[in-house]
Amino acid sequence: MNNRKNIILECIISKNGKKSRYYTKKNIKNNNKIILKKYNYIIRKRTIHKEI
């Protein structure tokens, strides 16, 4: 049985409606939203990405 599900991390700082997204997996038992610092390739900085 697979205990992981696919999620999308999206940047909370957007410029002109463009948002960077990352796809990853997380444990099903973890109900907390993931918040990570990832590289935003649109504005070329490390920004905060949140699970949507």
PDB file of N, CA and C in Angstrom:
ATOM      1  N   MET A   1       0.842  -1.187   0.000  1.00  0.00           N
ATOM      2  CA  MET A   1       0.000   0.000   0.000  1.00  0.00           C
ATOM      3  C   MET A   1       0.885   1.247   0.000  1.00  0.00           C
ATOM      4  N   ASN A   2       0.509   2.211  -0.790  1.00  0.00           N
ATOM      5  CA  ASN A   2       1.279   3.438  -0.916  1.00  0.00           C
ATOM      6  C   ASN A   2       0.819   4.454   0.136  1.00  0.00           C
ATOM      7  N   ASN A   3       1.731   4.920   0.994  1.00  0.00           N
ATOM      8  CA  ASN A   3       1.397   5.862   2.058  1.00  0.00           C
ATOM      9  C   ASN A   3       1.732   7.305   1.690  1.00  0.00           C
ATOM     10  N   ARG A   4       1.899   7.588   0.399  1.00  0.00           N
ATOM     11  CA  ARG A   4       2.286   8.922  -0.014  1.00  0.00           C
ATOM     12  C   ARG A   4       1.282   9.458  -1.035  1.00  0.00           C
ATOM     13  N   LYS A   5       1.100  10.774  -1.023  1.00  0.00           N
ATOM     14  CA  LYS A   5       0.225  11.388  -2.023  1.00  0.00           C
ATOM     15  C   LYS A   5       0.946  12.561  -2.675  1.00  0.00           C
ATOM     16  N   ASN A   6       0.585  12.844  -3.900  1.00  0.00           N
ATOM     17  CA  ASN A   6       1.196  13.941  -4.644  1.00  0.00           C
ATOM     18  C   ASN A   6       0.616  15.269  -4.193  1.00  0.00           C
ATOM     19  N   ILE A   7       1.493  16.269  -4.038  1.00  0.00           N
ATOM     20  CA  ILE A   7       1.041  17.611  -3.667  1.00  0.00           C
ATOM     21  C   ILE A   7       1.745  18.636  -4.542  1.00  0.00           C
ATOM     22  N   ILE A   8       1.217  19.851  -4.529  1.00  0.00           N
ATOM     23  CA  ILE A   8       1.793  20.961  -5.282  1.00  0.00           C
ATOM     24  C   ILE A   8       2.190  22.048  -4.295  1.00  0.00           C
ATOM     25  N   LEU A   9       3.422  22.521  -4.405  1.00  0.00           N
ATOM     26  CA  LEU A   9       3.894  23.650  -3.613  1.00  0.00           C
ATOM     27  C   LEU A   9       3.898  24.869  -4.523  1.00  0.00           C
ATOM     28  N   GLU A  10       3.255  25.957  -4.064  1.00  0.00           N
ATOM     29  CA  GLU A  10       3.145  27.160  -4.889  1.00  0.00           C
ATOM     30  C   GLU A  10       3.704  28.353  -4.135  1.00  0.00           C
ATOM     31  N   CYS A  11       4.384  29.235  -4.845  1.00  0.00           N
ATOM     32  CA  CYS A  11       4.983  30.416  -4.246  1.00  0.00           C
ATOM     33  C   CYS A  11       3.894  31.356  -3.740  1.00  0.00           C
ATOM     34  N   ILE A  12       4.094  31.931  -2.545  1.00  0.00           N
ATOM     35  CA  ILE A  12       3.097  32.860  -2.010  1.00  0.00           C
ATOM     36  C   ILE A  12       3.377  34.292  -2.449  1.00  0.00           C
ATOM     37  N   ILE A  13       4.567  34.542  -3.016  1.00  0.00           N
ATOM     38  CA  ILE A  13       4.904  35.860  -3.541  1.00  0.00           C
ATOM     39  C   ILE A  13       4.788  35.775  -5.058  1.00  0.00           C
ATOM     40  N   SER A  14       3.812  36.473  -5.621  1.00  0.00           N
ATOM     41  CA  SER A  14       3.612  36.379  -7.066  1.00  0.00           C
ATOM     42  C   SER A  14       3.911  37.715  -7.724  1.00  0.00           C
ATOM     43  N   LYS A  15       4.359  37.640  -8.950  1.00  0.00           N
ATOM     44  CA  LYS A  15       4.614  38.839  -9.750  1.00  0.00           C
ATOM     45  C   LYS A  15       3.797  38.727 -11.030  1.00  0.00           C
ATOM     46  N   ASN A  16       2.926  39.680 -11.246  1.00  0.00           N
ATOM     47  CA  ASN A  16       2.108  39.751 -12.465  1.00  0.00           C
ATOM     48  C   ASN A  16       1.318  38.461 -12.716  1.00  0.00           C
ATOM     49  N   GLY A  17       0.891  37.822 -11.648  1.00  0.00           N
ATOM     50  CA  GLY A  17       0.081  36.616 -11.778  1.00  0.00           C
ATOM     51  C   GLY A  17       0.864  35.358 -12.080  1.00  0.00           C
ATOM     52  N   LYS A  18       2.178  35.448 -12.258  1.00  0.00           N
ATOM     53  CA  LYS A  18       2.990  34.269 -12.533  1.00  0.00           C
ATOM     54  C   LYS A  18       3.469  33.687 -11.212  1.00  0.00           C
ATOM     55  N   LYS A  19       3.326  32.373 -11.057  1.00  0.00           N
ATOM     56  CA  LYS A  19       3.729  31.711  -9.820  1.00  0.00           C
ATOM     57  C   LYS A  19       4.570  30.494 -10.156  1.00  0.00           C
ATOM     58  N   SER A  20       5.601  30.271  -9.366  1.00  0.00           N
ATOM     59  CA  SER A  20       6.398  29.059  -9.564  1.00  0.00           C
ATOM     60  C   SER A  20       5.756  27.944  -8.745  1.00  0.00           C
ATOM     61  N   ARG A  21       5.804  26.740  -9.302  1.00  0.00           N
ATOM     62  CA  ARG A  21       5.219  25.576  -8.648  1.00  0.00           C
ATOM     63  C   ARG A  21       6.218  24.437  -8.624  1.00  0.00           C
ATOM     64  N   TYR A  22       6.176  23.672  -7.558  1.00  0.00           N
ATOM     65  CA  TYR A  22       6.968  22.463  -7.417  1.00  0.00           C
ATOM     66  C   TYR A  22       6.026  21.323  -7.071  1.00  0.00           C
ATOM     67  N   TYR A  23       6.293  20.145  -7.622  1.00  0.00           N
ATOM     68  CA  TYR A  23       5.496  18.952  -7.360  1.00  0.00           C
ATOM     69  C   TYR A  23       6.317  17.998  -6.519  1.00  0.00           C
ATOM     70  N   THR A  24       5.710  17.471  -5.462  1.00  0.00           N
ATOM     71  CA  THR A  24       6.406  16.562  -4.565  1.00  0.00           C
ATOM     72  C   THR A  24       5.395  15.607  -3.941  1.00  0.00           C
ATOM     73  N   LYS A  25       5.861  14.757  -3.038  1.00  0.00           N
ATOM     74  CA  LYS A  25       4.988  13.801  -2.349  1.00  0.00           C
ATOM     75  C   LYS A  25       5.114  13.998  -0.854  1.00  0.00           C
ATOM     76  N   LYS A  26       4.056  13.651  -0.125  1.00  0.00           N
ATOM     77  CA  LYS A  26       4.110  13.692   1.331  1.00  0.00           C
ATOM     78  C   LYS A  26       3.329  12.518   1.906  1.00  0.00           C
ATOM     79  N   ASN A  27       3.597  12.235   3.163  1.00  0.00           N
ATOM     80  CA  ASN A  27       2.964  11.134   3.865  1.00  0.00           C
ATOM     81  C   ASN A  27       1.478  11.446   4.062  1.00  0.00           C
ATOM     82  N   ILE A  28       0.616  10.463   3.864  1.00  0.00           N
ATOM     83  CA  ILE A  28      -0.834  10.645   4.019  1.00  0.00           C
ATOM     84  C   ILE A  28      -1.196  10.958   5.463  1.00  0.00           C
ATOM     85  N   LYS A  29      -0.483  10.376   6.422  1.00  0.00           N
ATOM     86  CA  LYS A  29      -0.802  10.563   7.837  1.00  0.00           C
ATOM     87  C   LYS A  29      -0.505  11.973   8.330  1.00  0.00           C
ATOM     88  N   ASN A  30       0.349  12.708   7.624  1.00  0.00           N
ATOM     89  CA  ASN A  30       0.694  14.070   8.001  1.00  0.00           C
ATOM     90  C   ASN A  30      -0.383  15.028   7.481  1.00  0.00           C
ATOM     91  N   ASN A  31      -1.174  15.621   8.389  1.00  0.00           N
ATOM     92  CA  ASN A  31      -2.267  16.508   7.990  1.00  0.00           C
ATOM     93  C   ASN A  31      -1.852  17.964   7.929  1.00  0.00           C
ATOM     94  N   ASN A  32      -0.634  18.285   8.365  1.00  0.00           N
ATOM     95  CA  ASN A  32      -0.170  19.670   8.356  1.00  0.00           C
ATOM     96  C   ASN A  32       0.206  20.096   6.945  1.00  0.00           C
ATOM     97  N   LYS A  33      -0.044  21.369   6.631  1.00  0.00           N
ATOM     98  CA  LYS A  33       0.359  21.916   5.339  1.00  0.00           C
ATOM     99  C   LYS A  33       1.864  22.133   5.335  1.00  0.00           C
ATOM    100  N   ILE A  34       2.500  21.803   4.229  1.00  0.00           N
ATOM    101  CA  ILE A  34       3.945  21.951   4.109  1.00  0.00           C
ATOM    102  C   ILE A  34       4.277  23.376   3.671  1.00  0.00           C
ATOM    103  N   ILE A  35       5.273  23.970   4.338  1.00  0.00           N
ATOM    104  CA  ILE A  35       5.787  25.289   3.968  1.00  0.00           C
ATOM    105  C   ILE A  35       7.303  25.143   3.857  1.00  0.00           C
ATOM    106  N   LEU A  36       7.840  25.409   2.656  1.00  0.00           N
ATOM    107  CA  LEU A  36       9.267  25.261   2.412  1.00  0.00           C
ATOM    108  C   LEU A  36       9.815  26.487   1.699  1.00  0.00           C
ATOM    109  N   LYS A  37      11.104  26.713   1.879  1.00  0.00           N
ATOM    110  CA  LYS A  37      11.789  27.748   1.107  1.00  0.00           C
ATOM    111  C   LYS A  37      12.354  27.076  -0.136  1.00  0.00           C
ATOM    112  N   LYS A  38      11.909  27.524  -1.304  1.00  0.00           N
ATOM    113  CA  LYS A  38      12.362  26.954  -2.569  1.00  0.00           C
ATOM    114  C   LYS A  38      12.786  28.095  -3.489  1.00  0.00           C
ATOM    115  N   TYR A  39      13.503  27.736  -4.538  1.00  0.00           N
ATOM    116  CA  TYR A  39      13.958  28.727  -5.508  1.00  0.00           C
ATOM    117  C   TYR A  39      12.821  29.070  -6.462  1.00  0.00           C
ATOM    118  N   ASN A  40      12.532  30.362  -6.582  1.00  0.00           N
ATOM    119  CA  ASN A  40      11.526  30.831  -7.529  1.00  0.00           C
ATOM    120  C   ASN A  40      12.254  31.232  -8.797  1.00  0.00           C
ATOM    121  N   TYR A  41      12.081  30.456  -9.863  1.00  0.00           N
ATOM    122  CA  TYR A  41      12.813  30.671 -11.105  1.00  0.00           C
ATOM    123  C   TYR A  41      12.301  31.874 -11.897  1.00  0.00           C
ATOM    124  N   ILE A  42      11.139  32.408 -11.530  1.00  0.00           N
ATOM    125  CA  ILE A  42      10.596  33.572 -12.235  1.00  0.00           C
ATOM    126  C   ILE A  42      11.249  34.857 -11.739  1.00  0.00           C
ATOM    127  N   ILE A  43      11.336  35.020 -10.412  1.00  0.00           N
ATOM    128  CA  ILE A  43      11.958  36.230  -9.868  1.00  0.00           C
ATOM    129  C   ILE A  43      13.400  35.990  -9.424  1.00  0.00           C
ATOM    130  N   ARG A  44      13.887  34.756  -9.602  1.00  0.00           N
ATOM    131  CA  ARG A  44      15.281  34.372  -9.325  1.00  0.00           C
ATOM    132  C   ARG A  44      15.707  34.642  -7.888  1.00  0.00           C
ATOM    133  N   LYS A  45      14.878  34.212  -6.950  1.00  0.00           N
ATOM    134  CA  LYS A  45      15.165  34.328  -5.525  1.00  0.00           C
ATOM    135  C   LYS A  45      14.601  33.107  -4.815  1.00  0.00           C
ATOM    136  N   ARG A  46      15.070  32.874  -3.593  1.00  0.00           N
ATOM    137  CA  ARG A  46      14.464  31.860  -2.741  1.00  0.00           C
ATOM    138  C   ARG A  46      13.280  32.469  -2.038  1.00  0.00           C
ATOM    139  N   THR A  47      12.125  31.862  -2.169  1.00  0.00           N
ATOM    140  CA  THR A  47      10.893  32.381  -1.567  1.00  0.00           C
ATOM    141  C   THR A  47      10.186  31.251  -0.829  1.00  0.00           C
ATOM    142  N   ILE A  48       9.149  31.613  -0.108  1.00  0.00           N
ATOM    143  CA  ILE A  48       8.359  30.643   0.641  1.00  0.00           C
ATOM    144  C   ILE A  48       7.303  30.037  -0.273  1.00  0.00           C
ATOM    145  N   HIS A  49       7.255  28.715  -0.287  1.00  0.00           N
ATOM    146  CA  HIS A  49       6.264  27.968  -1.064  1.00  0.00           C
ATOM    147  C   HIS A  49       5.374  27.209  -0.097  1.00  0.00           C
ATOM    148  N   LYS A  50       4.063  27.237  -0.361  1.00  0.00           N
ATOM    149  CA  LYS A  50       3.073  26.600   0.488  1.00  0.00           C
ATOM    150  C   LYS A  50       2.320  25.527  -0.293  1.00  0.00           C
ATOM    151  N   GLU A  51       1.881  24.526   0.431  1.00  0.00           N
ATOM    152  CA  GLU A  51       1.079  23.476  -0.185  1.00  0.00           C
ATOM    153  C   GLU A  51      -0.301  24.018  -0.543  1.00  0.00           C
ATOM    154  N   ILE A  52      -0.783  23.677  -1.748  1.00  0.00           N
ATOM    155  CA  ILE A  52      -2.134  24.110  -2.129  1.00  0.00           C
ATOM    156  C   ILE A  52      -3.041  22.905  -2.272  1.00  0.00           C
TER     157      ILE A  52
END
